[in-house]
Protein backbone atom coordinates (compact mmCIF):
# COMPACT_ATOMS: atom_id res chain seq x y z
CA UNK A 1 177.13 128.54 59.94
CA UNK A 2 180.87 128.44 59.62
CA UNK A 3 183.07 130.12 57.07
CA UNK A 4 184.67 126.81 56.29
CA UNK A 5 183.24 123.36 56.75
CA UNK A 6 185.01 121.72 59.69
CA UNK A 7 187.85 123.57 61.38
CA UNK A 8 190.40 123.93 58.66
CA UNK A 9 193.65 122.11 59.32
CA UNK A 10 195.54 123.36 56.30
CA UNK A 11 199.21 124.09 56.62
CA UNK A 12 198.55 127.39 54.89
CA UNK A 13 198.34 130.08 57.56
CA UNK A 14 195.03 131.78 58.14
CA UNK A 15 195.64 135.19 59.57
CA UNK A 16 193.24 137.84 60.76
CA UNK A 17 193.67 141.57 60.79
CA UNK A 18 192.54 144.64 62.61
CA UNK A 19 189.90 144.92 59.92
CA UNK A 20 188.39 141.62 61.06
CA UNK A 21 188.28 142.73 64.68
CA UNK A 22 186.88 146.16 63.84
CA UNK A 23 184.19 144.82 61.52
CA UNK A 24 183.20 142.17 64.07
CA UNK A 25 183.03 144.85 66.75
CA UNK A 26 180.66 146.97 64.65
CA UNK A 27 178.33 144.00 64.17
CA UNK A 28 178.60 143.15 67.87
CA UNK A 29 177.46 146.67 68.79
CA UNK A 30 173.97 145.43 67.96
CA UNK A 31 174.35 143.52 71.22
CA UNK A 32 175.07 146.76 73.10
CA UNK A 33 171.80 148.31 71.91
CA UNK A 34 170.09 144.97 72.59
CA UNK A 35 171.26 145.04 76.23
CA UNK A 36 170.54 148.75 76.68
CA UNK A 37 167.01 148.46 75.28
CA UNK A 38 166.26 145.36 77.33
CA UNK A 39 166.93 147.04 80.69
CA UNK A 40 166.33 150.76 80.12
CA UNK A 41 162.62 150.17 80.71
CA UNK A 42 163.37 149.39 84.39
CA UNK A 43 163.95 153.09 85.09
CA UNK A 44 160.74 154.08 83.33
CA UNK A 45 158.65 151.38 85.01
CA UNK A 46 157.32 153.28 88.04
CA UNK A 47 157.09 156.78 86.44
CA UNK A 48 154.98 155.42 83.59
CA UNK A 49 152.77 153.51 86.00
CA UNK A 50 152.14 156.73 87.92
CA UNK A 51 151.65 158.81 84.76
CA UNK A 52 149.10 156.63 82.98
CA UNK A 53 147.61 154.86 86.04
CA UNK A 54 147.64 151.50 84.30
CA UNK A 55 146.37 148.27 85.84
CA UNK A 56 148.88 145.50 86.64
CA UNK A 57 147.75 143.40 83.66
CA UNK A 58 147.82 146.35 81.25
CA UNK A 59 151.16 147.55 82.59
CA UNK A 60 152.72 144.10 82.37
CA UNK A 61 151.58 143.50 78.78
CA UNK A 62 151.61 146.89 77.04
CA UNK A 63 154.39 148.67 78.94
CA UNK A 64 156.88 146.17 80.35
CA UNK A 65 156.68 143.11 78.08
CA UNK A 66 155.70 144.59 74.69
CA UNK A 67 159.33 144.88 73.57
CA UNK A 68 159.82 141.23 74.49
CA UNK A 69 156.87 140.16 72.36
CA UNK A 70 158.50 142.05 69.51
CA UNK A 71 161.69 140.16 70.29
CA UNK A 72 159.85 136.85 70.07
CA UNK A 73 158.48 137.77 66.62
CA UNK A 74 161.91 139.00 65.50
CA UNK A 75 163.65 135.82 66.68
CA UNK A 76 161.04 133.58 65.08
CA UNK A 77 161.01 135.25 61.68
CA UNK A 78 164.39 137.01 61.52
CA UNK A 79 166.15 134.08 59.89
CA UNK A 80 164.28 134.25 56.56
CA UNK A 81 165.10 137.87 55.62
CA UNK A 82 168.66 137.39 56.87
CA UNK A 83 169.06 134.50 54.42
CA UNK A 84 167.27 136.23 51.54
CA UNK A 85 168.58 139.80 51.66
CA UNK A 86 171.97 139.29 53.29
CA UNK A 87 173.45 139.85 56.72
CA UNK A 88 174.61 143.43 56.13
CA UNK A 89 171.23 144.75 54.95
CA UNK A 90 169.46 143.21 57.94
CA UNK A 91 172.06 144.59 60.36
CA UNK A 92 171.43 148.01 58.83
CA UNK A 93 167.67 147.72 59.26
CA UNK A 94 168.18 146.62 62.85
CA UNK A 95 169.83 149.99 63.50
CA UNK A 96 166.90 151.77 61.87
CA UNK A 97 164.41 149.86 64.03
CA UNK A 98 166.35 150.70 67.20
CA UNK A 99 166.50 154.40 66.26
CA UNK A 100 162.78 154.64 65.47
CA UNK A 101 161.91 152.80 68.67
CA UNK A 102 164.02 155.08 70.87
CA UNK A 103 162.65 158.31 69.44
CA UNK A 104 159.06 157.08 69.25
CA UNK A 105 159.04 155.68 72.80
CA UNK A 106 160.46 158.91 74.22
CA UNK A 107 157.83 161.05 72.49
CA UNK A 108 154.85 158.69 72.95
CA UNK A 109 151.74 160.61 74.11
CA UNK A 110 149.84 157.56 75.37
CA UNK A 111 150.45 153.94 76.44
CA UNK A 112 149.27 152.51 73.11
CA UNK A 113 151.73 154.41 70.92
CA UNK A 114 154.38 153.73 73.55
CA UNK A 115 153.79 149.98 73.32
CA UNK A 116 153.91 150.16 69.50
CA UNK A 117 157.35 151.76 69.47
CA UNK A 118 158.60 149.37 72.17
CA UNK A 119 157.42 146.50 69.95
CA UNK A 120 159.43 147.94 67.05
CA UNK A 121 162.54 147.97 69.23
CA UNK A 122 161.83 144.41 70.26
CA UNK A 123 161.74 143.34 66.62
CA UNK A 124 165.23 144.78 66.28
CA UNK A 125 166.45 142.84 69.32
CA UNK A 126 164.99 139.57 68.08
CA UNK A 127 166.43 139.88 64.59
CA UNK A 128 169.81 141.01 65.96
CA UNK A 129 170.05 137.86 68.08
CA UNK A 130 169.91 135.90 64.81
CA UNK A 131 171.75 138.14 62.32
CA UNK A 132 174.67 139.56 64.33
CA UNK A 133 176.09 136.26 65.71
CA UNK A 134 175.60 134.66 62.29
CA UNK A 135 177.49 137.46 60.55
CA UNK A 136 180.35 137.40 63.05
CA UNK A 137 180.74 133.62 62.80
CA UNK A 138 180.77 133.78 58.99
CA UNK A 139 183.53 136.39 58.73
CA UNK A 140 185.68 134.90 61.51
CA UNK A 141 188.54 132.45 61.15
CA UNK A 142 188.46 129.24 63.22
CA UNK A 143 191.17 130.68 65.46
CA UNK A 144 189.24 133.88 66.22
CA UNK A 145 185.60 132.74 66.13
CA UNK A 146 185.29 132.16 69.86
CA UNK A 147 186.54 135.49 71.14
CA UNK A 148 184.95 137.48 68.32
CA UNK A 149 181.61 135.79 68.91
CA UNK A 150 181.94 136.51 72.63
CA UNK A 151 182.01 140.23 71.89
CA UNK A 152 178.29 140.08 71.17
CA UNK A 153 177.55 138.66 74.63
CA UNK A 154 179.93 141.17 76.22
CA UNK A 155 178.19 144.05 74.45
CA UNK A 156 174.79 142.86 75.70
CA UNK A 157 176.01 142.94 79.29
CA UNK A 158 177.85 146.24 78.76
CA UNK A 159 174.65 147.73 77.34
CA UNK A 160 172.76 146.57 80.43
CA UNK A 161 175.26 148.33 82.71
CA UNK A 162 175.16 151.54 80.67
CA UNK A 163 171.35 151.47 80.78
CA UNK A 164 171.42 151.29 84.59
CA UNK A 165 173.95 154.16 84.67
CA UNK A 166 171.89 156.18 82.22
CA UNK A 167 168.72 155.68 84.23
CA UNK A 168 170.50 156.83 87.38
CA UNK A 169 171.90 160.01 85.84
CA UNK A 170 168.68 160.90 84.01
CA UNK A 171 166.52 160.37 87.10
CA UNK A 172 164.97 163.77 87.88
CA UNK A 173 166.09 165.35 84.59
CA UNK A 174 163.00 166.94 83.08
CA UNK A 175 160.94 166.32 86.21
CA UNK A 176 158.13 163.84 85.65
CA UNK A 177 159.35 163.36 82.06
CA UNK A 178 162.75 161.99 83.10
CA UNK A 179 161.71 158.58 81.80
CA UNK A 180 161.48 160.06 78.29
CA UNK A 181 165.15 161.03 78.46
CA UNK A 182 166.05 157.56 79.72
CA UNK A 183 164.43 155.96 76.68
CA UNK A 184 165.28 158.63 74.11
CA UNK A 185 169.03 158.61 74.73
CA UNK A 186 169.20 155.18 73.07
CA UNK A 187 168.74 156.95 69.73
CA UNK A 188 172.36 158.17 69.94
CA UNK A 189 174.14 154.76 69.89
CA UNK A 190 171.47 153.43 67.52
CA UNK A 191 172.16 156.10 64.90
CA UNK A 192 175.94 155.74 65.32
CA UNK A 193 175.65 151.97 64.87
CA UNK A 194 173.47 152.39 61.77
CA UNK A 195 176.01 154.70 60.13
CA UNK A 196 178.92 152.39 60.98
CA UNK A 197 177.19 149.33 59.50
CA UNK A 198 177.10 151.04 56.10
CA UNK A 199 180.88 150.60 55.91
CA UNK A 200 181.12 146.87 56.67
CA UNK A 201 181.22 144.23 53.90
CA UNK A 202 178.67 141.55 53.23
CA UNK A 203 179.36 138.09 54.64
CA UNK A 204 181.60 136.16 52.21
CA UNK A 205 179.75 132.95 53.13
CA UNK A 206 176.44 134.53 52.08
CA UNK A 207 177.93 135.90 48.85
CA UNK A 208 179.06 132.40 47.87
CA UNK A 209 175.98 130.51 49.03
CA UNK A 210 173.25 132.89 47.82
CA UNK A 211 174.84 134.94 45.03
CA UNK A 212 177.56 132.58 43.76
CA UNK A 213 179.77 135.66 43.82
CA UNK A 214 183.16 134.06 44.31
CA UNK A 215 185.05 137.16 43.19
CA UNK A 216 183.16 139.40 45.63
CA UNK A 217 183.69 136.91 48.43
CA UNK A 218 187.41 136.80 47.65
CA UNK A 219 187.69 140.58 47.93
CA UNK A 220 185.95 140.50 51.32
CA UNK A 221 188.24 137.73 52.56
CA UNK A 222 191.30 139.72 51.52
CA UNK A 223 189.90 142.78 53.34
CA UNK A 224 189.50 140.63 56.44
CA UNK A 225 193.19 139.68 56.26
CA UNK A 226 192.72 136.04 55.28
CA UNK A 227 195.71 134.84 53.24
CA UNK A 228 194.53 131.48 51.85
CA UNK A 229 191.52 132.91 50.03
CA UNK A 230 191.25 130.26 47.30
CA UNK A 231 191.41 127.45 49.85
CA UNK A 232 188.71 129.01 52.01
CA UNK A 233 186.42 129.60 49.01
CA UNK A 234 186.96 126.03 47.87
CA UNK A 235 186.15 124.74 51.35
CA UNK A 236 182.93 126.76 51.46
CA UNK A 237 181.77 125.66 48.01
CA UNK A 238 182.54 122.01 48.85
CA UNK A 239 180.50 122.36 52.03
CA UNK A 240 177.56 123.81 50.09
CA UNK A 241 177.73 120.99 47.56
CA UNK A 242 177.76 118.44 50.38
CA UNK A 243 174.78 120.04 52.11
CA UNK A 244 172.87 120.10 48.83
CA UNK A 245 173.66 116.46 48.01
CA UNK A 246 172.67 115.26 51.48
CA UNK A 247 169.43 117.21 51.37
CA UNK A 248 166.90 117.51 54.14
CA UNK A 249 165.46 114.04 54.47
CA UNK A 250 164.09 114.69 57.94
CA UNK A 251 162.12 117.63 59.29
CA UNK A 252 163.52 119.83 62.02
CA UNK A 253 161.10 118.44 64.60
CA UNK A 254 161.73 114.83 63.64
CA UNK A 255 162.62 112.19 66.22
CA UNK A 256 166.31 112.18 65.19
CA UNK A 257 166.71 115.65 66.74
CA UNK A 258 164.64 114.88 69.83
CA UNK A 259 167.55 114.94 72.29
CA UNK A 260 168.96 118.17 70.88
CA UNK A 261 165.58 119.90 70.82
CA UNK A 262 164.99 119.06 74.49
CA UNK A 263 168.45 120.29 75.43
CA UNK A 264 167.90 123.59 73.59
CA UNK A 265 164.39 124.00 74.98
CA UNK A 266 165.36 123.33 78.58
CA UNK A 267 168.51 125.45 78.65
CA UNK A 268 166.44 128.38 77.32
CA UNK A 269 163.52 127.61 79.67
CA UNK A 270 165.67 127.38 82.80
CA UNK A 271 167.54 130.52 81.75
CA UNK A 272 164.36 132.52 82.21
CA UNK A 273 162.74 130.74 85.17
CA UNK A 274 165.87 131.64 87.09
CA UNK A 275 164.25 135.07 87.32
CA UNK A 276 167.09 136.94 85.62
CA UNK A 277 164.91 139.19 83.46
CA UNK A 278 162.47 139.65 86.32
CA UNK A 279 165.28 141.05 88.47
CA UNK A 280 166.89 143.10 85.69
CA UNK A 281 163.58 144.62 84.60
CA UNK A 282 162.18 145.26 88.07
CA UNK A 283 165.41 145.92 90.01
CA UNK A 284 164.46 149.45 91.17
CA UNK A 285 161.00 148.33 92.28
CA UNK A 286 162.37 145.25 94.07
CA UNK A 287 164.92 147.37 95.92
CA UNK A 288 162.32 149.98 96.81
CA UNK A 289 160.14 147.22 98.25
CA UNK A 290 163.14 146.27 100.39
CA UNK A 291 163.18 149.75 101.91
CA UNK A 292 165.53 151.75 99.68
CA UNK A 293 164.53 155.20 98.42
CA UNK A 294 163.94 155.59 94.68
CA UNK A 295 167.31 157.25 93.98
CA UNK A 296 169.15 154.65 96.08
CA UNK A 297 167.40 151.82 94.26
CA UNK A 298 168.52 153.20 90.89
CA UNK A 299 172.09 153.54 92.19
CA UNK A 300 172.13 149.98 93.49
CA UNK A 301 170.78 148.84 90.12
CA UNK A 302 174.14 150.01 88.74
CA UNK A 303 175.86 147.59 91.15
CA UNK A 304 173.74 144.81 89.64
CA UNK A 305 174.80 145.79 86.13
CA UNK A 306 178.47 146.08 87.15
CA UNK A 307 178.45 142.67 88.80
CA UNK A 308 176.89 141.22 85.66
CA UNK A 309 179.68 142.70 83.52
CA UNK A 310 182.56 141.57 85.76
CA UNK A 311 181.36 137.99 86.12
CA UNK A 312 180.55 137.77 82.41
CA UNK A 313 184.31 138.14 81.90
CA UNK A 314 184.83 135.29 84.38
CA UNK A 315 182.33 133.06 82.58
CA UNK A 316 183.81 133.76 79.15
CA UNK A 317 187.31 133.04 80.50
CA UNK A 318 186.25 129.72 82.04
CA UNK A 319 183.86 128.37 79.39
CA UNK A 320 186.59 126.67 77.34
CA UNK A 321 188.63 125.72 80.40
CA UNK A 322 186.11 124.38 82.93
CA UNK A 323 183.44 123.43 80.40
CA UNK A 324 179.77 124.19 79.80
CA UNK A 325 178.33 121.59 82.16
CA UNK A 326 180.65 122.64 84.98
CA UNK A 327 179.64 126.30 84.65
CA UNK A 328 175.94 125.39 84.60
CA UNK A 329 176.46 123.32 87.75
CA UNK A 330 178.32 126.12 89.56
CA UNK A 331 175.67 128.60 88.46
CA UNK A 332 172.86 126.34 89.70
CA UNK A 333 174.32 126.13 93.20
CA UNK A 334 174.77 129.91 93.21
CA UNK A 335 171.20 130.42 92.03
CA UNK A 336 169.74 128.16 94.72
CA UNK A 337 171.68 129.81 97.55
CA UNK A 338 171.13 133.41 96.44
CA UNK A 339 167.45 133.10 95.55
CA UNK A 340 166.70 131.25 98.78
CA UNK A 341 168.38 134.02 100.75
CA UNK A 342 166.53 136.75 98.83
CA UNK A 343 163.25 134.98 99.61
CA UNK A 344 164.24 134.71 103.27
CA UNK A 345 165.28 138.39 103.34
CA UNK A 346 161.82 139.49 102.22
CA UNK A 347 160.10 136.94 104.48
CA UNK A 348 162.02 138.04 107.58
CA UNK A 349 162.22 141.74 106.63
CA UNK A 350 166.02 141.65 106.69
CA UNK A 351 168.02 144.78 105.93
CA UNK A 352 168.20 146.14 102.36
CA UNK A 353 171.97 145.63 102.43
CA UNK A 354 171.55 141.92 103.16
CA UNK A 355 169.09 141.62 100.28
CA UNK A 356 171.40 143.47 97.88
CA UNK A 357 174.34 141.16 98.67
CA UNK A 358 172.36 138.09 97.62
CA UNK A 359 170.88 139.82 94.59
CA UNK A 360 174.45 140.49 93.50
CA UNK A 361 175.38 136.85 94.16
CA UNK A 362 172.41 135.84 92.01
CA UNK A 363 173.56 138.04 89.14
CA UNK A 364 177.14 136.71 89.46
CA UNK A 365 175.83 133.12 89.38
CA UNK A 366 173.87 133.86 86.24
CA UNK A 367 176.77 135.58 84.48
CA UNK A 368 179.17 132.70 85.17
CA UNK A 369 176.60 129.98 84.43
CA UNK A 370 173.60 130.43 82.17
CA UNK A 371 174.65 133.83 80.87
CA UNK A 372 177.96 132.52 79.55
CA UNK A 373 176.71 129.14 78.36
CA UNK A 374 173.29 129.46 76.73
CA UNK A 375 174.15 130.90 73.30
CA UNK A 376 177.33 128.87 72.94
CA UNK A 377 175.57 125.66 73.95
CA UNK A 378 172.61 126.11 71.60
CA UNK A 379 174.83 126.95 68.63
CA UNK A 380 177.09 123.92 69.03
CA UNK A 381 174.62 121.12 69.76
CA UNK A 382 172.76 121.44 66.44
CA UNK A 383 174.23 119.84 63.27
CA UNK A 384 175.45 122.15 60.51
CA UNK A 385 172.46 121.76 58.22
CA UNK A 386 169.93 122.77 60.92
CA UNK A 387 172.11 125.03 63.07
CA UNK A 388 170.48 128.31 61.96
CA UNK A 389 167.01 126.87 62.50
CA UNK A 390 168.14 125.50 65.85
CA UNK A 391 169.47 128.86 66.99
CA UNK A 392 166.17 130.47 66.01
CA UNK A 393 164.29 127.78 67.96
CA UNK A 394 166.40 128.21 71.09
CA UNK A 395 166.26 132.01 70.93
CA UNK A 396 162.48 131.93 70.46
CA UNK A 397 161.97 129.69 73.49
CA UNK A 398 164.18 132.03 75.51
CA UNK A 399 162.26 135.14 74.47
CA UNK A 400 158.79 133.60 74.85
CA UNK A 401 159.47 132.77 78.50
CA UNK A 402 161.17 136.14 79.04
CA UNK A 403 158.03 137.85 77.75
CA UNK A 404 155.69 135.68 79.83
CA UNK A 405 157.60 136.31 83.05
CA UNK A 406 157.73 140.05 82.39
CA UNK A 407 154.01 140.04 81.55
CA UNK A 408 152.95 138.27 84.73
CA UNK A 409 155.39 139.98 87.10
CA UNK A 410 153.21 143.05 87.88
CA UNK A 411 150.32 140.74 88.70
CA UNK A 412 152.39 139.28 91.54
CA UNK A 413 154.68 142.21 92.40
CA UNK A 414 152.43 145.29 92.19
CA UNK A 415 152.41 147.04 95.61
CA UNK A 416 148.69 147.87 95.46
CA UNK A 417 147.02 145.03 93.57
CA UNK A 418 149.65 142.31 93.34
CA UNK A 419 148.99 138.79 94.59
CA UNK A 420 152.08 139.09 96.81
CA UNK A 421 151.76 142.83 97.39
CA UNK A 422 152.42 142.50 101.13
CA UNK A 423 155.59 140.47 100.73
CA UNK A 424 157.01 139.07 97.45
CA UNK A 425 159.09 136.30 99.04
CA UNK A 426 157.15 133.44 97.33
CA UNK A 427 158.27 134.73 93.91
CA UNK A 428 161.92 134.19 94.77
CA UNK A 429 161.19 130.88 96.49
CA UNK A 430 159.61 129.70 93.22
CA UNK A 431 162.67 130.72 91.23
CA UNK A 432 164.92 128.91 93.75
CA UNK A 433 162.87 125.72 93.35
CA UNK A 434 163.12 125.91 89.56
CA UNK A 435 166.90 126.23 89.87
CA UNK A 436 166.94 123.09 91.99
CA UNK A 437 165.23 121.36 89.06
CA UNK A 438 167.84 122.85 86.73
CA UNK A 439 170.64 121.40 88.86
CA UNK A 440 169.08 117.92 88.64
CA UNK A 441 168.72 118.31 84.86
CA UNK A 442 172.30 119.51 84.39
CA UNK A 443 173.76 116.67 86.46
CA UNK A 444 171.70 113.93 84.79
CA UNK A 445 171.02 115.02 81.20
CA UNK A 446 173.40 117.73 79.97
CA UNK A 447 176.45 116.47 78.03
CA UNK A 448 179.81 118.20 78.32
CA UNK A 449 180.59 119.77 74.95
CA UNK A 450 183.97 121.32 75.80
CA UNK A 451 186.68 120.12 73.43
CA UNK A 452 184.31 117.91 71.44
CA UNK A 453 184.17 118.47 67.68
CA UNK A 454 180.87 119.39 66.05
CA UNK A 455 180.98 116.13 64.11
CA UNK A 456 181.46 114.08 67.29
CA UNK A 457 178.60 115.93 68.94
CA UNK A 458 176.37 115.23 65.94
CA UNK A 459 177.15 111.50 66.10
CA UNK A 460 176.48 111.52 69.85
CA UNK A 461 173.28 113.57 69.94
CA UNK A 462 171.52 112.91 66.64
CA UNK A 463 169.45 109.73 66.71
CA UNK A 464 169.53 108.21 63.23
CA UNK A 465 166.29 106.56 62.19
């Protein structure tokens, strides 16, 4: 939801201040904890398996994918409390959930309590993927919304890299309990984030829409450095009146949104059947299967996280220059080549170095393509009056498939009982085939949204009855 309906074209200048950047950065730090929590489990994967002697099915569901199931629930139901109680309160509770999850997971005495606390952290991730981008977009000016919104994606990737680094440095600390340090350290940024959120203001858009607090919204806008406060407030109130007068004559899953729903569903679906979370979650195990020692596999996981960070910058730089469809096309070709070579490396027992090169190419392809595009694409294809619901739908599809892939991975990958325990090459061949399907879909069905106004996109994609 935007601070002002349509991109304001007033001659009155709309400036932003350091306050706006700093406040946006605090909200975006939820993405850092999101990324850290998502990947930190990769370092605890094998130690926990050895400690509790879990079966592949149990390990996949209760240990590896439980946080993702929490994320699914958080993404599905996070929109309602964010609307009712306000963005700031929910951002604060996200920090509390992250802190409780980190401490509880680190101290868990058994797999059941461990999975409970991982689920709590997942709830925080799911809700943050709804609340944080919404908050940032609502406090931003049209001129700053893109780069400020991109900070959330950057923080996710940065959190992933720091998690790989943390796992590497904590490996061996505390002996067999090193995994507890890996998970527990997340309490530090979680608590810092929670304290910092206390000092940020509520979204002015929410204050106007839900509380009719025009004076409070005006004070927030002034704090953010916006000079034409009255004009912005007037624009927001006019937008609310228009939305109310138009009403919701069609349900979200009505035929008029069919094209948009399929676009959102498939971009989220293909994002996960690329195998990105499979590789991020199981990077140390995959590299060990390729012949690297445990410590080497953790170190090379850092290279994966670093590549992800560097090429995320490339994707964010190009997204408004080359366009969304172009990046998805480039990423698809990169996916197909890299995944095919990873499959061949396992099939032919090629050197670990050869395998690592193409794993890094895979991560680079994802960062430039799907990683840069997915959240931008989903947020811009839905009309204003269903955009929040659309973002929740797209995020939920993304997290459901992320959870399913993480759940089933041990069944195929486990070195003792896995279906492909002798050689996991068919897993990567499957992902390569799915990316071939993605390429066909992108070339034939995906519209280019670069430089197209939201109103033009609505007229193009919404099928009026």
